């Protein structure tokens, strides 16, 4: 189930990292790798009765066309009209974020694994067949994580304070070797759905809340409401737009907001009940007309025409086979 994080007393919290708070740091170049295909046989088509539960993320890793769903029992791919599942490495990926060379995540190892629990901050460039653990193995499971698709910027809200990272909002440009505190000036919400990082401009980050959509263009030093009077259940950012799922008078809506003009357009979405709100949104890395969403009751939908029509890829968790 999609969780909401109650931030009681957040604004009075001292957000101090044990590492540097250098506000002048910018990203001059990325250190992303070339994505690699998993070995033959690592992904196989799912069985006829396959289902998915506990969806923890959604995206298009490795700049490809395959849609990945992160679940409690490992990743699944929807590719060329078919669902595929892994034959191993079925870890519980939390805070999953697709990036241009793969995906970054946190979470918990699969039963019987030799990995320490929790997994800390990790990255895979071969669709989950292997991954590298960068920081906080055995210490932190980041549920609230945002990654810039084309850069190395990662934003987190840390709910599990350690000797090396306090409770609060931070970002890193080197996979957790150095963290910078986000001052969060102007952020006045009491709840948040998630954080979303701009795919190309690392200083731009958005947060969905019960008050509306907050956006920062200075890496979280300050925030302003891009659109208020919205009860946001999820937000993601493309190069030019924010895609926001909201609940209005018990009706689920998907809104496209221009990041420059702030003009908002409501897109058509499948009819969803108020107890089946949108939990994740992903846009294709090179085609904004392709949008995928998941819901609280484990439905998965995809449109390739900007919401004019939707294809249901999973119904109450049961995977569709075309």
Protein backbone atom coordinates (compact mmCIF):
# COMPACT_ATOMS: atom_id res chain seq x y z
CA UNK A 1 0.00 0.00 0.00
CA UNK A 2 1.17 3.48 -0.82
CA UNK A 3 2.13 5.20 2.40
CA UNK A 4 1.79 8.84 3.33
CA UNK A 5 4.51 10.26 5.53
CA UNK A 6 3.25 12.44 8.39
CA UNK A 7 5.77 15.19 8.96
CA UNK A 8 4.79 16.40 12.43
CA UNK A 9 7.01 19.23 13.57
CA UNK A 10 9.02 18.98 10.36
CA UNK A 11 9.72 22.68 10.02
CA UNK A 12 11.20 22.89 13.50
CA UNK A 13 13.43 19.90 12.87
CA UNK A 14 17.16 20.48 12.69
CA UNK A 15 18.18 19.12 9.31
CA UNK A 16 21.92 18.81 9.77
CA UNK A 17 24.01 16.19 8.03
CA UNK A 18 27.25 14.90 9.46
CA UNK A 19 28.83 15.50 6.07
CA UNK A 20 29.35 18.73 4.13
CA UNK A 21 26.57 21.28 3.54
CA UNK A 22 28.24 22.91 0.54
CA UNK A 23 25.45 24.84 -1.22
CA UNK A 24 27.64 25.80 -4.20
CA UNK A 25 28.01 22.28 -5.54
CA UNK A 26 26.65 21.81 -9.05
CA UNK A 27 26.70 18.94 -11.52
CA UNK A 28 29.16 19.64 -14.34
CA UNK A 29 29.03 16.18 -15.87
CA UNK A 30 27.51 12.84 -15.10
CA UNK A 31 29.25 9.61 -14.27
CA UNK A 32 26.53 7.41 -15.66
CA UNK A 33 27.48 4.18 -17.36
CA UNK A 34 26.27 2.58 -20.56
CA UNK A 35 23.30 0.36 -19.68
CA UNK A 36 23.82 -3.34 -20.29
CA UNK A 37 21.26 -5.96 -21.21
CA UNK A 38 20.78 -8.75 -18.66
CA UNK A 39 22.11 -12.15 -19.61
CA UNK A 40 19.94 -14.40 -21.73
CA UNK A 41 17.40 -16.21 -19.61
CA UNK A 42 17.52 -13.85 -16.63
CA UNK A 43 14.07 -12.56 -17.66
CA UNK A 44 11.39 -15.01 -18.72
CA UNK A 45 7.75 -14.51 -19.69
CA UNK A 46 5.41 -14.83 -16.74
CA UNK A 47 3.07 -17.76 -16.25
CA UNK A 48 -0.60 -17.49 -17.14
CA UNK A 49 -1.66 -16.98 -13.52
CA UNK A 50 1.06 -14.49 -12.57
CA UNK A 51 0.19 -11.51 -10.42
CA UNK A 52 1.87 -8.59 -8.75
CA UNK A 53 1.35 -7.05 -5.35
CA UNK A 54 3.01 -4.35 -3.24
CA UNK A 55 4.10 -2.15 -6.15
CA UNK A 56 6.98 0.07 -5.05
CA UNK A 57 7.98 1.93 -8.21
CA UNK A 58 7.56 2.41 -11.93
CA UNK A 59 9.80 3.63 -14.74
CA UNK A 60 11.73 3.13 -17.97
CA UNK A 61 15.31 2.20 -16.98
CA UNK A 62 18.28 2.35 -19.30
CA UNK A 63 16.69 4.80 -21.78
CA UNK A 64 14.72 1.94 -23.28
CA UNK A 65 11.11 1.19 -24.17
CA UNK A 66 10.56 -1.52 -21.54
CA UNK A 67 8.43 -0.51 -18.56
CA UNK A 68 9.73 -1.79 -15.23
CA UNK A 69 7.56 -2.30 -12.17
CA UNK A 70 9.40 -2.66 -8.87
CA UNK A 71 7.57 -4.98 -6.51
CA UNK A 72 7.87 -6.67 -3.15
CA UNK A 73 9.17 -9.75 -4.99
CA UNK A 74 11.56 -8.25 -7.51
CA UNK A 75 11.26 -6.31 -10.77
CA UNK A 76 8.97 -7.10 -13.68
CA UNK A 77 9.25 -5.83 -17.25
CA UNK A 78 6.46 -5.08 -19.72
CA UNK A 79 8.08 -5.22 -23.15
CA UNK A 80 6.65 -5.70 -26.64
CA UNK A 81 3.25 -6.61 -25.26
CA UNK A 82 4.44 -9.21 -22.76
CA UNK A 83 5.25 -9.34 -19.06
CA UNK A 84 8.57 -10.82 -17.98
CA UNK A 85 9.91 -11.68 -14.53
CA UNK A 86 13.40 -12.39 -13.26
CA UNK A 87 14.70 -15.84 -12.45
CA UNK A 88 16.69 -14.47 -9.51
CA UNK A 89 17.58 -11.33 -7.53
CA UNK A 90 13.96 -10.94 -6.45
CA UNK A 91 14.67 -8.19 -3.95
CA UNK A 92 12.09 -5.88 -2.41
CA UNK A 93 12.98 -2.62 -4.14
CA UNK A 94 11.79 0.46 -2.23
CA UNK A 95 12.28 4.03 -3.41
CA UNK A 96 12.82 2.69 -6.94
CA UNK A 97 13.76 5.29 -9.57
CA UNK A 98 14.57 4.60 -13.23
CA UNK A 99 17.53 6.52 -14.69
CA UNK A 100 19.18 6.72 -18.10
CA UNK A 101 21.67 3.93 -17.39
CA UNK A 102 19.50 1.69 -15.22
CA UNK A 103 17.81 2.26 -11.88
CA UNK A 104 18.64 3.39 -8.36
CA UNK A 105 16.78 2.06 -5.35
CA UNK A 106 16.82 0.94 -1.76
CA UNK A 107 14.87 -1.81 -0.05
CA UNK A 108 15.33 -5.28 1.41
CA UNK A 109 17.05 -8.44 0.15
CA UNK A 110 15.07 -11.48 -0.93
CA UNK A 111 14.70 -14.33 1.60
CA UNK A 112 17.85 -16.41 1.86
CA UNK A 113 20.05 -13.71 0.36
CA UNK A 114 23.55 -13.00 1.67
CA UNK A 115 22.95 -9.25 1.38
CA UNK A 116 22.62 -7.33 4.62
CA UNK A 117 19.19 -5.91 5.41
CA UNK A 118 18.33 -3.17 4.47
CA UNK A 119 20.06 -2.79 1.12
CA UNK A 120 20.96 0.89 1.51
CA UNK A 121 21.46 3.01 -1.63
CA UNK A 122 22.08 0.85 -4.70
CA UNK A 123 22.22 1.03 -8.47
CA UNK A 124 21.79 -1.50 -11.27
CA UNK A 125 22.74 -0.96 -14.91
CA UNK A 126 21.61 -4.38 -16.20
CA UNK A 127 17.90 -4.44 -15.30
CA UNK A 128 18.48 -5.83 -11.83
CA UNK A 129 20.68 -8.85 -12.59
CA UNK A 130 23.52 -7.23 -10.64
CA UNK A 131 23.82 -4.06 -8.61
CA UNK A 132 26.34 -1.99 -6.71
CA UNK A 133 25.67 -0.85 -3.15
CA UNK A 134 26.97 2.68 -2.61
CA UNK A 135 25.98 3.65 0.93
CA UNK A 136 24.16 2.63 4.12
CA UNK A 137 24.05 -1.13 3.55
CA UNK A 138 22.45 -2.61 6.65
CA UNK A 139 21.47 0.86 7.89
CA UNK A 140 18.89 2.70 5.79
CA UNK A 141 15.92 1.84 3.59
CA UNK A 142 15.02 5.00 1.67
CA UNK A 143 11.28 4.98 0.97
CA UNK A 144 11.34 8.60 -0.22
CA UNK A 145 13.91 8.86 -2.99
CA UNK A 146 14.04 10.86 -6.23
CA UNK A 147 16.66 10.55 -8.97
CA UNK A 148 17.34 12.85 -11.90
CA UNK A 149 17.09 10.68 -15.02
CA UNK A 150 20.05 12.16 -16.95
CA UNK A 151 22.28 13.30 -14.05
CA UNK A 152 23.63 11.79 -10.85
CA UNK A 153 21.54 13.92 -8.49
CA UNK A 154 19.59 11.91 -5.90
CA UNK A 155 17.22 13.42 -3.33
CA UNK A 156 16.11 11.56 -0.22
CA UNK A 157 14.05 12.00 2.92
CA UNK A 158 15.78 9.95 5.59
CA UNK A 159 13.42 8.35 8.11
CA UNK A 160 16.16 6.19 9.64
CA UNK A 161 18.81 8.46 11.20
CA UNK A 162 22.31 6.99 11.57
CA UNK A 163 25.69 8.24 12.75
CA UNK A 164 26.39 9.38 9.18
CA UNK A 165 23.04 10.84 8.12
CA UNK A 166 20.44 12.55 10.32
CA UNK A 167 16.68 12.56 9.90
CA UNK A 168 15.60 15.00 7.17
CA UNK A 169 15.89 16.03 3.52
CA UNK A 170 19.21 15.71 1.68
CA UNK A 171 20.71 15.35 -1.78
CA UNK A 172 23.86 13.77 -3.17
CA UNK A 173 25.70 13.95 -6.49
CA UNK A 174 28.06 11.05 -5.83
CA UNK A 175 25.79 8.22 -4.71
CA UNK A 176 25.96 8.99 -1.04
CA UNK A 177 29.62 9.76 -0.44
CA UNK A 178 28.72 13.38 0.33
CA UNK A 179 25.32 14.74 1.36
CA UNK A 180 23.94 18.29 1.33
CA UNK A 181 21.11 19.44 3.58
CA UNK A 182 17.98 20.88 1.97
CA UNK A 183 16.82 24.00 3.87
CA UNK A 184 13.17 23.58 2.74
CA UNK A 185 12.31 27.29 3.10
CA UNK A 186 8.67 27.94 2.18
CA UNK A 187 7.65 24.30 2.47
CA UNK A 188 4.66 24.26 4.79
CA UNK A 189 2.84 21.01 4.12
CA UNK A 190 2.20 18.37 6.77
CA UNK A 191 2.15 15.35 4.43
CA UNK A 192 3.86 14.33 1.24
CA UNK A 193 3.22 11.68 -1.37
CA UNK A 194 6.69 11.60 -2.96
CA UNK A 195 9.57 13.63 -4.32
CA UNK A 196 10.35 13.95 -8.04
CA UNK A 197 13.60 15.16 -9.62
CA UNK A 198 13.81 16.91 -12.98
CA UNK A 199 15.38 14.59 -15.58
CA UNK A 200 17.91 17.15 -16.86
CA UNK A 201 18.07 20.05 -14.40
CA UNK A 202 19.27 18.61 -11.08
CA UNK A 203 18.41 21.71 -9.06
CA UNK A 204 14.70 21.28 -9.81
CA UNK A 205 12.78 19.01 -7.46
CA UNK A 206 9.03 18.69 -6.79
CA UNK A 207 7.09 17.38 -3.80
CA UNK A 208 3.43 16.34 -3.85
CA UNK A 209 1.47 17.26 -0.73
CA UNK A 210 -2.03 17.66 0.69
CA UNK A 211 -1.76 21.41 -0.05
CA UNK A 212 -0.66 21.11 -3.64
CA UNK A 213 2.50 20.78 -5.71
CA UNK A 214 5.65 22.33 -4.26
CA UNK A 215 8.60 22.98 -6.61
CA UNK A 216 12.15 24.08 -5.88
CA UNK A 217 14.60 25.32 -8.51
CA UNK A 218 17.52 25.70 -6.07
CA UNK A 219 17.97 22.11 -4.92
CA UNK A 220 15.56 22.36 -2.03
CA UNK A 221 16.90 25.52 -0.45
CA UNK A 222 13.47 27.07 -1.00
CA UNK A 223 10.08 25.89 -2.29
CA UNK A 224 6.99 27.55 -3.72
CA UNK A 225 3.57 26.22 -4.65
CA UNK A 226 3.43 25.66 -8.40
CA UNK A 227 -0.25 24.77 -8.04
CA UNK A 228 -2.27 24.91 -4.84
CA UNK A 229 -5.61 23.42 -3.78
CA UNK A 230 -4.52 19.98 -4.95
CA UNK A 231 -4.50 16.78 -2.90
CA UNK A 232 -1.55 15.16 -4.67
CA UNK A 233 -1.12 11.38 -4.53
CA UNK A 234 1.91 11.27 -6.86
CA UNK A 235 3.99 13.54 -9.11
CA UNK A 236 6.68 12.95 -11.72
CA UNK A 237 8.62 15.41 -13.86
CA UNK A 238 9.45 15.26 -17.55
CA UNK A 239 11.67 17.78 -19.34
CA UNK A 240 8.89 20.36 -19.70
CA UNK A 241 5.94 19.16 -17.58
CA UNK A 242 4.84 17.92 -14.21
CA UNK A 243 2.40 15.02 -14.25
CA UNK A 244 0.31 15.11 -11.11
CA UNK A 245 -2.24 12.61 -9.81
CA UNK A 246 -4.78 14.23 -7.51
CA UNK A 247 -8.00 13.43 -5.70
CA UNK A 248 -10.77 15.99 -6.27
CA UNK A 249 -14.20 15.44 -4.68
CA UNK A 250 -13.48 11.70 -4.49
CA UNK A 251 -12.51 11.70 -8.18
CA UNK A 252 -9.08 10.59 -9.41
CA UNK A 253 -7.52 12.99 -11.91
CA UNK A 254 -4.26 13.23 -13.85
CA UNK A 255 -3.06 16.76 -14.54
CA UNK A 256 -0.28 17.88 -16.87
CA UNK A 257 1.30 21.17 -15.75
CA UNK A 258 3.68 23.17 -17.93
CA UNK A 259 6.73 23.94 -15.79
CA UNK A 260 7.31 27.29 -17.52
CA UNK A 261 3.83 28.75 -18.07
CA UNK A 262 2.20 26.84 -15.15
CA UNK A 263 -0.75 26.12 -17.44
CA UNK A 264 -2.58 22.96 -16.36
CA UNK A 265 -4.42 20.45 -18.54
CA UNK A 266 -6.49 17.57 -17.18
CA UNK A 267 -5.81 14.35 -19.05
CA UNK A 268 -8.31 11.57 -19.54
CA UNK A 269 -7.72 8.62 -17.22
CA UNK A 270 -9.45 5.30 -16.55
CA UNK A 271 -12.39 5.60 -14.16
CA UNK A 272 -10.90 4.95 -10.72
CA UNK A 273 -12.62 4.82 -7.36
CA UNK A 274 -11.43 7.07 -4.54
CA UNK A 275 -9.96 4.06 -2.74
CA UNK A 276 -7.95 3.16 -5.86
CA UNK A 277 -5.91 6.32 -6.33
CA UNK A 278 -2.85 6.64 -8.57
CA UNK A 279 0.27 5.58 -6.67
CA UNK A 280 3.00 5.91 -9.34
CA UNK A 281 3.39 7.69 -12.68
CA UNK A 282 6.12 7.21 -15.30
CA UNK A 283 6.61 8.98 -18.61
CA UNK A 284 8.64 7.49 -21.46
CA UNK A 285 12.10 9.14 -21.50
CA UNK A 286 11.78 10.36 -25.09
CA UNK A 287 8.00 10.37 -25.69
CA UNK A 288 5.73 12.34 -23.34
CA UNK A 289 2.66 10.83 -24.99
CA UNK A 290 3.49 7.47 -23.42
CA UNK A 291 2.46 7.50 -19.77
CA UNK A 292 2.13 4.58 -17.38
CA UNK A 293 0.38 4.58 -14.01
CA UNK A 294 -0.25 2.18 -11.14
CA UNK A 295 -2.99 2.30 -8.53
CA UNK A 296 -3.48 1.47 -4.89
CA UNK A 297 -5.20 -1.80 -5.79
CA UNK A 298 -2.37 -2.86 -8.13
CA UNK A 299 -3.91 -1.92 -11.44
CA UNK A 300 -1.41 -0.94 -14.16
CA UNK A 301 -2.39 1.20 -17.15
CA UNK A 302 -0.50 2.62 -20.11
CA UNK A 303 -1.36 5.19 -22.76
CA UNK A 304 0.65 5.95 -25.88
CA UNK A 305 -1.54 8.83 -27.07
CA UNK A 306 -1.43 11.29 -24.16
CA UNK A 307 -4.39 9.78 -22.37
CA UNK A 308 -6.85 9.48 -25.25
CA UNK A 309 -6.91 5.71 -24.77
CA UNK A 310 -5.53 3.45 -22.04
CA UNK A 311 -4.41 -0.17 -22.14
CA UNK A 312 -4.84 -2.08 -18.87
CA UNK A 313 -1.70 -4.14 -18.24
CA UNK A 314 -2.72 -5.51 -14.83
CA UNK A 315 -6.07 -5.81 -13.08
CA UNK A 316 -6.03 -6.01 -9.29
CA UNK A 317 -2.52 -7.33 -9.65
CA UNK A 318 -3.24 -10.02 -12.25
CA UNK A 319 -0.93 -9.47 -15.22
CA UNK A 320 -2.50 -9.16 -18.67
CA UNK A 321 -1.19 -11.39 -21.43
CA UNK A 322 -1.81 -10.10 -24.93
